[in-house]
Amino acid sequence: MNIYLLRANLNNSYWDDWFDKCFGMVIVAEAEEAARTLATTAGGAEDSAVWQDTAFTTCELVGTASTVSESVLLTDEHWA
């Protein structure tokens, strides 16, 4: 399994209204597509489709995990 860091692309004005949104996640998945799909169910009040769109978010491979199954490990949420 791979470990991915998904983050909001803060250069996109979509994220200007910061409240009740998730700005990043650490996800264990086999591939980037699977990580982005998991992200759509773990976000905040933002439109879940932003996690599938490279204009709104980034997805970076940061490591591997041999004993962890597919899951969301951590979220960075900003609630008002």
C-alpha atoms as a PDB file:
ATOM      1  CA  MET A   1       0.000   0.000   0.000  1.00  0.00           C
ATOM      2  CA  ASN A   2       1.029   3.595  -0.624  1.00  0.00           C
ATOM      3  CA  ILE A   3       0.678   6.627   1.621  1.00  0.00           C
ATOM      4  CA  TYR A   4      -0.649   9.768  -0.063  1.00  0.00           C
ATOM      5  CA  LEU A   5      -0.817  13.367   1.121  1.00  0.00           C
ATOM      6  CA  LEU A   6      -3.815  15.162  -0.380  1.00  0.00           C
ATOM      7  CA  ARG A   7      -3.979  18.921   0.030  1.00  0.00           C
ATOM      8  CA  ALA A   8      -6.130  21.811  -1.065  1.00  0.00           C
ATOM      9  CA  ASN A   9      -4.626  23.882  -3.868  1.00  0.00           C
ATOM     10  CA  LEU A  10      -4.786  27.215  -2.056  1.00  0.00           C
ATOM     11  CA  ASN A  11      -4.028  29.078  -5.305  1.00  0.00           C
ATOM     12  CA  ASN A  12      -7.595  28.270  -6.309  1.00  0.00           C
ATOM     13  CA  SER A  13     -10.197  30.768  -5.007  1.00  0.00           C
ATOM     14  CA  TYR A  14     -12.577  27.908  -4.165  1.00  0.00           C
ATOM     15  CA  TRP A  15     -10.815  27.628  -0.794  1.00  0.00           C
ATOM     16  CA  ASP A  16     -11.148  31.339   0.144  1.00  0.00           C
ATOM     17  CA  ASP A  17     -14.190  30.624   2.317  1.00  0.00           C
ATOM     18  CA  TRP A  18     -12.149  28.489   4.714  1.00  0.00           C
ATOM     19  CA  PHE A  19     -14.789  27.493   7.265  1.00  0.00           C
ATOM     20  CA  ASP A  20     -16.174  23.951   7.579  1.00  0.00           C
ATOM     21  CA  LYS A  21     -13.766  22.572   4.995  1.00  0.00           C
ATOM     22  CA  CYS A  22     -11.079  19.935   5.032  1.00  0.00           C
ATOM     23  CA  PHE A  23      -7.744  21.189   3.682  1.00  0.00           C
ATOM     24  CA  GLY A  24      -5.695  18.026   3.694  1.00  0.00           C
ATOM     25  CA  MET A  25      -5.613  14.295   4.341  1.00  0.00           C
ATOM     26  CA  VAL A  26      -3.164  11.446   4.733  1.00  0.00           C
ATOM     27  CA  ILE A  27      -4.576   8.360   3.043  1.00  0.00           C
ATOM     28  CA  VAL A  28      -3.363   4.799   2.597  1.00  0.00           C
ATOM     29  CA  ALA A  29      -4.400   3.354  -0.770  1.00  0.00           C
ATOM     30  CA  GLU A  30      -3.054   1.222  -3.590  1.00  0.00           C
ATOM     31  CA  ALA A  31      -3.135   4.050  -6.144  1.00  0.00           C
ATOM     32  CA  GLU A  32      -3.782   7.793  -6.417  1.00  0.00           C
ATOM     33  CA  GLU A  33      -7.247   7.214  -7.882  1.00  0.00           C
ATOM     34  CA  ALA A  34      -8.233   5.119  -4.857  1.00  0.00           C
ATOM     35  CA  ALA A  35      -6.825   7.754  -2.482  1.00  0.00           C
ATOM     36  CA  ARG A  36      -8.828  10.498  -4.170  1.00  0.00           C
ATOM     37  CA  THR A  37     -11.977   8.350  -4.008  1.00  0.00           C
ATOM     38  CA  LEU A  38     -11.504   7.779  -0.264  1.00  0.00           C
ATOM     39  CA  ALA A  39     -11.006  11.532   0.168  1.00  0.00           C
ATOM     40  CA  THR A  40     -14.452  12.251  -1.297  1.00  0.00           C
ATOM     41  CA  THR A  41     -16.045  10.529   1.722  1.00  0.00           C
ATOM     42  CA  ALA A  42     -13.784  11.997   4.407  1.00  0.00           C
ATOM     43  CA  GLY A  43     -13.880  15.725   3.693  1.00  0.00           C
ATOM     44  CA  GLY A  44     -15.769  18.543   5.322  1.00  0.00           C
ATOM     45  CA  ALA A  45     -18.520  20.738   3.910  1.00  0.00           C
ATOM     46  CA  GLU A  46     -16.643  21.311   0.645  1.00  0.00           C
ATOM     47  CA  ASP A  47     -17.990  19.678  -2.496  1.00  0.00           C
ATOM     48  CA  SER A  48     -16.572  16.152  -2.362  1.00  0.00           C
ATOM     49  CA  ALA A  49     -15.767  16.318  -6.096  1.00  0.00           C
ATOM     50  CA  VAL A  50     -12.901  18.759  -5.393  1.00  0.00           C
ATOM     51  CA  TRP A  51     -10.809  15.827  -4.147  1.00  0.00           C
ATOM     52  CA  GLN A  52     -11.045  14.244  -7.603  1.00  0.00           C
ATOM     53  CA  ASP A  53     -10.078  17.443  -9.444  1.00  0.00           C
ATOM     54  CA  THR A  54      -6.379  18.323  -9.887  1.00  0.00           C
ATOM     55  CA  ALA A  55      -7.262  22.019 -10.288  1.00  0.00           C
ATOM     56  CA  PHE A  56      -8.511  22.101  -6.683  1.00  0.00           C
ATOM     57  CA  THR A  57      -6.281  19.549  -4.925  1.00  0.00           C
ATOM     58  CA  THR A  58      -2.905  17.848  -5.063  1.00  0.00           C
ATOM     59  CA  CYS A  59      -2.116  14.209  -4.323  1.00  0.00           C
ATOM     60  CA  GLU A  60       1.480  13.320  -3.514  1.00  0.00           C
ATOM     61  CA  LEU A  61       2.939   9.875  -2.852  1.00  0.00           C
ATOM     62  CA  VAL A  62       4.896  10.211   0.417  1.00  0.00           C
ATOM     63  CA  GLY A  63       5.693   6.628   1.383  1.00  0.00           C
ATOM     64  CA  THR A  64       4.556   3.052   1.703  1.00  0.00           C
ATOM     65  CA  ALA A  65       2.875   1.022   4.428  1.00  0.00           C
ATOM     66  CA  SER A  66       3.105  -2.744   4.570  1.00  0.00           C
ATOM     67  CA  THR A  67       0.686  -3.459   7.430  1.00  0.00           C
ATOM     68  CA  VAL A  68      -2.059  -0.869   6.984  1.00  0.00           C
ATOM     69  CA  SER A  69      -5.185  -1.445   4.897  1.00  0.00           C
ATOM     70  CA  GLU A  70      -6.840   1.215   2.738  1.00  0.00           C
ATOM     71  CA  SER A  71      -7.965   4.017   5.042  1.00  0.00           C
ATOM     72  CA  VAL A  72      -7.956   7.715   5.859  1.00  0.00           C
ATOM     73  CA  LEU A  73      -5.305   8.239   8.556  1.00  0.00           C
ATOM     74  CA  LEU A  74      -5.559  11.975   9.197  1.00  0.00           C
ATOM     75  CA  THR A  75      -7.628  14.992   8.127  1.00  0.00           C
ATOM     76  CA  ASP A  76      -6.942  18.735   8.463  1.00  0.00           C
ATOM     77  CA  GLU A  77     -10.334  20.348   9.011  1.00  0.00           C
ATOM     78  CA  HIS A  78     -11.228  23.982   9.714  1.00  0.00           C
ATOM     79  CA  TRP A  79     -14.611  24.433  11.390  1.00  0.00           C
ATOM     80  CA  ALA A  80     -16.230  27.773  12.149  1.00  0.00           C
END
